[in-house]
Amino acid sequence: MLNIEIGDTVYETELEDNSSAVALKEKLKEEPLILNMNDYGNFEKVGKLPWKLPQNNRQITTDAGDIILYLGNQLVLYYDKNSWNFTPIGKIKNIDKTKLREVLGKGDVTVKFSINEEI
């Protein structure tokens, strides 16, 4: 399970079944990742990864809570819709568009990504 910490709250994320999500999980097992994510287009937060991940791009339409790999080296948290050729990484569970916009706030945000190994 991928955990995303925004402020004082941790959100669970269901990971996609692809090599990109597996590679991210392996990296996060080594240590958590803290990204400064910049707002882009008033529908997503984008953070540059310190390494590249394999891409599994396909044409999709994102929705609030989707976590996407862009260009193999950027993680994107969507809080609204967008259509493009992306690699899905996962989806934040139990949160809607309104709440996610509130949590992410306006402008930049710091987000911590970590792995919670389930037994």
N, C-alpha and C. Protein backbone atom coordinates (compact mmCIF):
# COMPACT_ATOMS: atom_id res chain seq x y z
N MET A 1 0.85 -1.18 0.00
CA MET A 1 0.00 0.00 0.00
C MET A 1 0.89 1.24 0.00
N LEU A 2 0.61 2.16 -0.88
CA LEU A 2 1.32 3.43 -0.94
C LEU A 2 0.60 4.42 -0.03
N ASN A 3 1.35 5.05 0.86
CA ASN A 3 0.80 6.10 1.72
C ASN A 3 1.26 7.45 1.20
N ILE A 4 0.33 8.40 1.22
CA ILE A 4 0.63 9.77 0.83
C ILE A 4 0.28 10.66 2.01
N GLU A 5 1.27 11.38 2.51
CA GLU A 5 1.07 12.25 3.66
C GLU A 5 1.06 13.70 3.19
N ILE A 6 -0.08 14.36 3.43
CA ILE A 6 -0.25 15.77 3.09
C ILE A 6 -0.63 16.48 4.37
N GLY A 7 0.23 17.37 4.84
CA GLY A 7 -0.02 18.00 6.14
C GLY A 7 0.06 16.95 7.22
N ASP A 8 -0.97 16.90 8.06
CA ASP A 8 -1.00 15.94 9.18
C ASP A 8 -1.79 14.69 8.86
N THR A 9 -2.22 14.53 7.62
CA THR A 9 -3.09 13.41 7.28
C THR A 9 -2.39 12.46 6.31
N VAL A 10 -2.56 11.16 6.56
CA VAL A 10 -2.02 10.12 5.67
C VAL A 10 -3.18 9.47 4.92
N TYR A 11 -3.02 9.38 3.60
CA TYR A 11 -4.03 8.77 2.75
C TYR A 11 -3.47 7.49 2.15
N GLU A 12 -4.29 6.46 2.14
CA GLU A 12 -3.89 5.20 1.51
C GLU A 12 -4.20 5.27 0.02
N THR A 13 -3.34 4.62 -0.74
CA THR A 13 -3.47 4.60 -2.19
C THR A 13 -3.40 3.17 -2.69
N GLU A 14 -4.30 2.85 -3.56
CA GLU A 14 -4.26 1.55 -4.21
C GLU A 14 -3.37 1.67 -5.44
N LEU A 15 -2.33 0.82 -5.51
CA LEU A 15 -1.38 0.88 -6.61
C LEU A 15 -1.90 0.15 -7.85
N GLU A 16 -1.51 0.65 -9.01
CA GLU A 16 -1.80 0.00 -10.28
C GLU A 16 -0.95 -1.27 -10.39
N ASP A 17 -1.35 -2.15 -11.27
CA ASP A 17 -0.61 -3.37 -11.52
C ASP A 17 0.22 -3.17 -12.79
N ASN A 18 1.35 -2.46 -12.66
CA ASN A 18 2.25 -2.26 -13.80
C ASN A 18 3.68 -2.10 -13.28
N SER A 19 4.64 -2.16 -14.19
CA SER A 19 6.05 -2.09 -13.79
C SER A 19 6.43 -0.74 -13.20
N SER A 20 5.72 0.31 -13.55
CA SER A 20 6.00 1.64 -13.00
C SER A 20 5.68 1.68 -11.51
N ALA A 21 4.51 1.18 -11.14
CA ALA A 21 4.11 1.16 -9.73
C ALA A 21 5.02 0.24 -8.92
N VAL A 22 5.40 -0.90 -9.50
CA VAL A 22 6.31 -1.82 -8.82
C VAL A 22 7.66 -1.15 -8.58
N ALA A 23 8.18 -0.45 -9.58
CA ALA A 23 9.47 0.23 -9.44
C ALA A 23 9.40 1.33 -8.38
N LEU A 24 8.30 2.08 -8.35
CA LEU A 24 8.14 3.11 -7.33
C LEU A 24 8.10 2.47 -5.95
N LYS A 25 7.37 1.41 -5.81
CA LYS A 25 7.28 0.71 -4.53
C LYS A 25 8.66 0.25 -4.06
N GLU A 26 9.46 -0.30 -4.96
CA GLU A 26 10.81 -0.75 -4.60
C GLU A 26 11.68 0.42 -4.14
N LYS A 27 11.59 1.54 -4.83
CA LYS A 27 12.36 2.74 -4.42
C LYS A 27 11.93 3.21 -3.04
N LEU A 28 10.62 3.21 -2.79
CA LEU A 28 10.11 3.70 -1.52
C LEU A 28 10.38 2.75 -0.36
N LYS A 29 10.64 1.48 -0.65
CA LYS A 29 11.05 0.54 0.40
C LYS A 29 12.40 0.93 0.97
N GLU A 30 13.25 1.55 0.13
CA GLU A 30 14.58 2.00 0.57
C GLU A 30 14.45 3.17 1.53
N GLU A 31 13.59 4.13 1.18
CA GLU A 31 13.33 5.28 2.04
C GLU A 31 12.15 6.07 1.49
N PRO A 32 11.40 6.74 2.39
CA PRO A 32 10.29 7.57 1.93
C PRO A 32 10.79 8.70 1.03
N LEU A 33 9.90 9.23 0.24
CA LEU A 33 10.21 10.31 -0.69
C LEU A 33 9.39 11.54 -0.33
N ILE A 34 10.06 12.67 -0.18
CA ILE A 34 9.36 13.93 0.08
C ILE A 34 9.53 14.81 -1.16
N LEU A 35 8.39 15.20 -1.73
CA LEU A 35 8.41 16.04 -2.93
C LEU A 35 7.74 17.37 -2.67
N ASN A 36 8.36 18.44 -3.17
CA ASN A 36 7.69 19.73 -3.23
C ASN A 36 6.93 19.72 -4.55
N MET A 37 5.62 19.77 -4.47
CA MET A 37 4.79 19.66 -5.67
C MET A 37 4.20 21.01 -6.03
N ASN A 38 4.40 21.39 -7.29
CA ASN A 38 3.94 22.67 -7.80
C ASN A 38 2.58 22.53 -8.46
N ASP A 39 1.74 23.53 -8.26
CA ASP A 39 0.43 23.54 -8.90
C ASP A 39 0.60 23.83 -10.39
N TYR A 40 -0.17 23.11 -11.19
CA TYR A 40 -0.12 23.32 -12.63
C TYR A 40 -1.55 23.28 -13.18
N GLY A 41 -1.93 24.33 -13.84
CA GLY A 41 -3.21 24.36 -14.55
C GLY A 41 -4.44 24.31 -13.67
N ASN A 42 -4.29 24.47 -12.37
CA ASN A 42 -5.40 24.43 -11.44
C ASN A 42 -6.17 23.10 -11.49
N PHE A 43 -5.43 21.99 -11.79
CA PHE A 43 -6.05 20.67 -11.75
C PHE A 43 -5.08 19.58 -11.31
N GLU A 44 -3.80 19.95 -11.05
CA GLU A 44 -2.82 18.94 -10.66
C GLU A 44 -1.66 19.57 -9.88
N LYS A 45 -0.99 18.72 -9.11
CA LYS A 45 0.25 19.07 -8.42
C LYS A 45 1.33 18.17 -8.99
N VAL A 46 2.47 18.76 -9.35
CA VAL A 46 3.55 18.04 -10.04
C VAL A 46 4.84 18.13 -9.24
N GLY A 47 5.51 16.98 -9.05
CA GLY A 47 6.80 16.95 -8.37
C GLY A 47 7.80 16.12 -9.14
N LYS A 48 9.04 16.63 -9.25
CA LYS A 48 10.09 15.94 -10.00
C LYS A 48 10.73 14.88 -9.13
N LEU A 49 10.79 13.65 -9.66
CA LEU A 49 11.42 12.53 -8.96
C LEU A 49 12.94 12.63 -9.02
N PRO A 50 13.65 12.07 -8.04
CA PRO A 50 15.11 12.07 -8.07
C PRO A 50 15.67 10.97 -8.98
N TRP A 51 14.80 10.16 -9.58
CA TRP A 51 15.21 9.07 -10.47
C TRP A 51 14.10 8.85 -11.49
N LYS A 52 14.43 8.09 -12.53
CA LYS A 52 13.44 7.75 -13.56
C LYS A 52 12.80 6.41 -13.23
N LEU A 53 11.55 6.27 -13.66
CA LEU A 53 10.82 5.02 -13.53
C LEU A 53 10.39 4.56 -14.92
N PRO A 54 10.18 3.26 -15.11
CA PRO A 54 9.69 2.78 -16.40
C PRO A 54 8.29 3.34 -16.68
N GLN A 55 8.02 3.61 -17.94
CA GLN A 55 6.72 4.16 -18.33
C GLN A 55 5.83 3.06 -18.91
N ASN A 56 4.55 3.18 -18.65
CA ASN A 56 3.51 2.32 -19.21
C ASN A 56 2.38 3.21 -19.69
N ASN A 57 2.70 4.11 -20.59
CA ASN A 57 1.75 5.13 -21.03
C ASN A 57 0.58 4.53 -21.79
N ARG A 58 -0.57 5.13 -21.54
CA ARG A 58 -1.77 4.83 -22.31
C ARG A 58 -2.68 6.04 -22.24
N GLN A 59 -3.55 6.18 -23.21
CA GLN A 59 -4.49 7.29 -23.22
C GLN A 59 -5.52 7.09 -22.12
N ILE A 60 -5.58 8.04 -21.19
CA ILE A 60 -6.55 7.95 -20.09
C ILE A 60 -7.10 9.33 -19.78
N THR A 61 -8.20 9.35 -19.05
CA THR A 61 -8.74 10.58 -18.48
C THR A 61 -8.61 10.45 -16.98
N THR A 62 -7.88 11.37 -16.39
CA THR A 62 -7.65 11.33 -14.94
C THR A 62 -8.88 11.85 -14.21
N ASP A 63 -8.91 11.57 -12.91
CA ASP A 63 -9.94 12.08 -12.03
C ASP A 63 -9.28 12.42 -10.70
N ALA A 64 -10.01 13.07 -9.84
CA ALA A 64 -9.47 13.46 -8.53
C ALA A 64 -8.95 12.23 -7.79
N GLY A 65 -7.73 12.34 -7.28
CA GLY A 65 -7.12 11.26 -6.51
C GLY A 65 -6.18 10.38 -7.31
N ASP A 66 -6.15 10.55 -8.64
CA ASP A 66 -5.25 9.75 -9.45
C ASP A 66 -3.81 10.20 -9.27
N ILE A 67 -2.91 9.22 -9.19
CA ILE A 67 -1.47 9.48 -9.14
C ILE A 67 -0.91 8.96 -10.45
N ILE A 68 -0.20 9.83 -11.15
CA ILE A 68 0.25 9.56 -12.51
C ILE A 68 1.76 9.78 -12.60
N LEU A 69 2.43 8.96 -13.40
CA LEU A 69 3.82 9.17 -13.75
C LEU A 69 3.84 9.90 -15.09
N TYR A 70 4.56 11.01 -15.14
CA TYR A 70 4.65 11.80 -16.36
C TYR A 70 6.11 11.85 -16.81
N LEU A 71 6.35 11.50 -18.04
CA LEU A 71 7.69 11.51 -18.65
C LEU A 71 8.70 10.64 -17.92
N GLY A 72 8.24 9.75 -17.07
CA GLY A 72 9.13 8.83 -16.38
C GLY A 72 9.85 9.41 -15.18
N ASN A 73 9.73 10.75 -14.98
CA ASN A 73 10.48 11.36 -13.87
C ASN A 73 9.69 12.38 -13.06
N GLN A 74 8.37 12.40 -13.21
CA GLN A 74 7.54 13.32 -12.43
C GLN A 74 6.31 12.57 -11.92
N LEU A 75 5.99 12.81 -10.64
CA LEU A 75 4.74 12.29 -10.09
C LEU A 75 3.73 13.42 -10.08
N VAL A 76 2.51 13.08 -10.44
CA VAL A 76 1.45 14.07 -10.52
C VAL A 76 0.26 13.59 -9.70
N LEU A 77 -0.25 14.47 -8.82
CA LEU A 77 -1.49 14.22 -8.08
C LEU A 77 -2.58 15.04 -8.74
N TYR A 78 -3.59 14.37 -9.24
CA TYR A 78 -4.69 15.07 -9.89
C TYR A 78 -5.81 15.34 -8.90
N TYR A 79 -6.35 16.56 -8.98
CA TYR A 79 -7.54 16.88 -8.21
C TYR A 79 -8.67 17.30 -9.12
N ASP A 80 -8.48 17.09 -10.43
CA ASP A 80 -9.53 17.32 -11.42
C ASP A 80 -9.22 16.48 -12.65
N LYS A 81 -10.00 16.63 -13.68
CA LYS A 81 -9.87 15.80 -14.88
C LYS A 81 -8.84 16.34 -15.87
N ASN A 82 -8.22 15.40 -16.60
CA ASN A 82 -7.32 15.73 -17.69
C ASN A 82 -7.17 14.46 -18.54
N SER A 83 -7.10 14.65 -19.84
CA SER A 83 -6.90 13.50 -20.74
C SER A 83 -5.56 13.64 -21.44
N TRP A 84 -4.80 12.53 -21.44
CA TRP A 84 -3.48 12.54 -22.07
C TRP A 84 -2.95 11.12 -22.07
N ASN A 85 -1.76 10.96 -22.61
CA ASN A 85 -1.05 9.69 -22.61
C ASN A 85 -0.19 9.64 -21.33
N PHE A 86 -0.64 8.92 -20.32
CA PHE A 86 0.01 8.88 -19.02
C PHE A 86 0.25 7.45 -18.57
N THR A 87 1.08 7.33 -17.52
CA THR A 87 1.26 6.06 -16.83
C THR A 87 0.56 6.15 -15.48
N PRO A 88 -0.50 5.39 -15.28
CA PRO A 88 -1.16 5.39 -13.97
C PRO A 88 -0.28 4.68 -12.93
N ILE A 89 -0.20 5.28 -11.74
CA ILE A 89 0.55 4.70 -10.62
C ILE A 89 -0.41 4.19 -9.54
N GLY A 90 -1.47 4.95 -9.27
CA GLY A 90 -2.41 4.54 -8.24
C GLY A 90 -3.53 5.56 -8.08
N LYS A 91 -4.35 5.32 -7.07
CA LYS A 91 -5.47 6.21 -6.77
C LYS A 91 -5.63 6.31 -5.26
N ILE A 92 -5.74 7.55 -4.78
CA ILE A 92 -5.97 7.80 -3.36
C ILE A 92 -7.37 7.29 -3.02
N LYS A 93 -7.46 6.53 -1.95
CA LYS A 93 -8.74 5.94 -1.54
C LYS A 93 -9.53 6.90 -0.66
N ASN A 94 -10.83 6.82 -0.78
CA ASN A 94 -11.76 7.50 0.13
C ASN A 94 -11.60 9.01 0.21
N ILE A 95 -11.46 9.65 -0.95
CA ILE A 95 -11.41 11.11 -0.96
C ILE A 95 -12.07 11.59 -2.25
N ASP A 96 -12.81 12.69 -2.16
CA ASP A 96 -13.46 13.23 -3.35
C ASP A 96 -12.76 14.51 -3.79
N LYS A 97 -13.18 15.02 -4.92
CA LYS A 97 -12.56 16.19 -5.54
C LYS A 97 -12.55 17.40 -4.60
N THR A 98 -13.66 17.68 -3.95
CA THR A 98 -13.77 18.85 -3.07
C THR A 98 -12.80 18.75 -1.91
N LYS A 99 -12.77 17.60 -1.25
CA LYS A 99 -11.88 17.40 -0.10
C LYS A 99 -10.41 17.43 -0.53
N LEU A 100 -10.10 16.82 -1.67
CA LEU A 100 -8.72 16.80 -2.14
C LEU A 100 -8.23 18.20 -2.47
N ARG A 101 -9.07 19.01 -3.12
CA ARG A 101 -8.70 20.41 -3.40
C ARG A 101 -8.41 21.16 -2.10
N GLU A 102 -9.23 20.91 -1.09
CA GLU A 102 -9.06 21.57 0.20
C GLU A 102 -7.74 21.15 0.85
N VAL A 103 -7.44 19.85 0.82
CA VAL A 103 -6.23 19.32 1.44
C VAL A 103 -4.98 19.83 0.73
N LEU A 104 -5.00 19.82 -0.61
CA LEU A 104 -3.83 20.25 -1.38
C LEU A 104 -3.63 21.76 -1.34
N GLY A 105 -4.70 22.51 -1.15
CA GLY A 105 -4.62 23.96 -1.06
C GLY A 105 -4.22 24.60 -2.38
N LYS A 106 -3.98 25.89 -2.32
CA LYS A 106 -3.56 26.63 -3.50
C LYS A 106 -2.04 26.74 -3.50
N GLY A 107 -1.46 26.75 -4.67
CA GLY A 107 -0.02 26.87 -4.77
C GLY A 107 0.69 25.56 -4.49
N ASP A 108 1.95 25.66 -4.07
CA ASP A 108 2.79 24.49 -3.87
C ASP A 108 2.43 23.77 -2.56
N VAL A 109 2.78 22.48 -2.52
CA VAL A 109 2.51 21.67 -1.34
C VAL A 109 3.63 20.63 -1.21
N THR A 110 3.98 20.29 0.03
CA THR A 110 4.96 19.24 0.28
C THR A 110 4.22 17.95 0.59
N VAL A 111 4.61 16.88 -0.11
CA VAL A 111 3.92 15.59 0.02
C VAL A 111 4.96 14.50 0.29
N LYS A 112 4.65 13.64 1.25
CA LYS A 112 5.53 12.51 1.57
C LYS A 112 4.90 11.22 1.05
N PHE A 113 5.68 10.45 0.31
CA PHE A 113 5.26 9.17 -0.24
C PHE A 113 6.04 8.07 0.49
N SER A 114 5.33 7.06 0.97
CA SER A 114 5.99 5.95 1.66
C SER A 114 5.19 4.67 1.42
N ILE A 115 5.82 3.55 1.75
CA ILE A 115 5.20 2.25 1.58
C ILE A 115 4.82 1.69 2.94
N ASN A 116 3.60 1.19 3.03
CA ASN A 116 3.11 0.50 4.21
C ASN A 116 2.99 -0.96 3.82
N GLU A 117 3.92 -1.77 4.28
CA GLU A 117 3.91 -3.20 3.96
C GLU A 117 2.81 -3.88 4.74
N GLU A 118 1.86 -4.44 4.02
CA GLU A 118 0.77 -5.18 4.67
C GLU A 118 1.22 -6.59 4.95
N ILE A 119 0.79 -7.13 6.04
CA ILE A 119 1.14 -8.50 6.42
C ILE A 119 0.05 -9.43 5.94
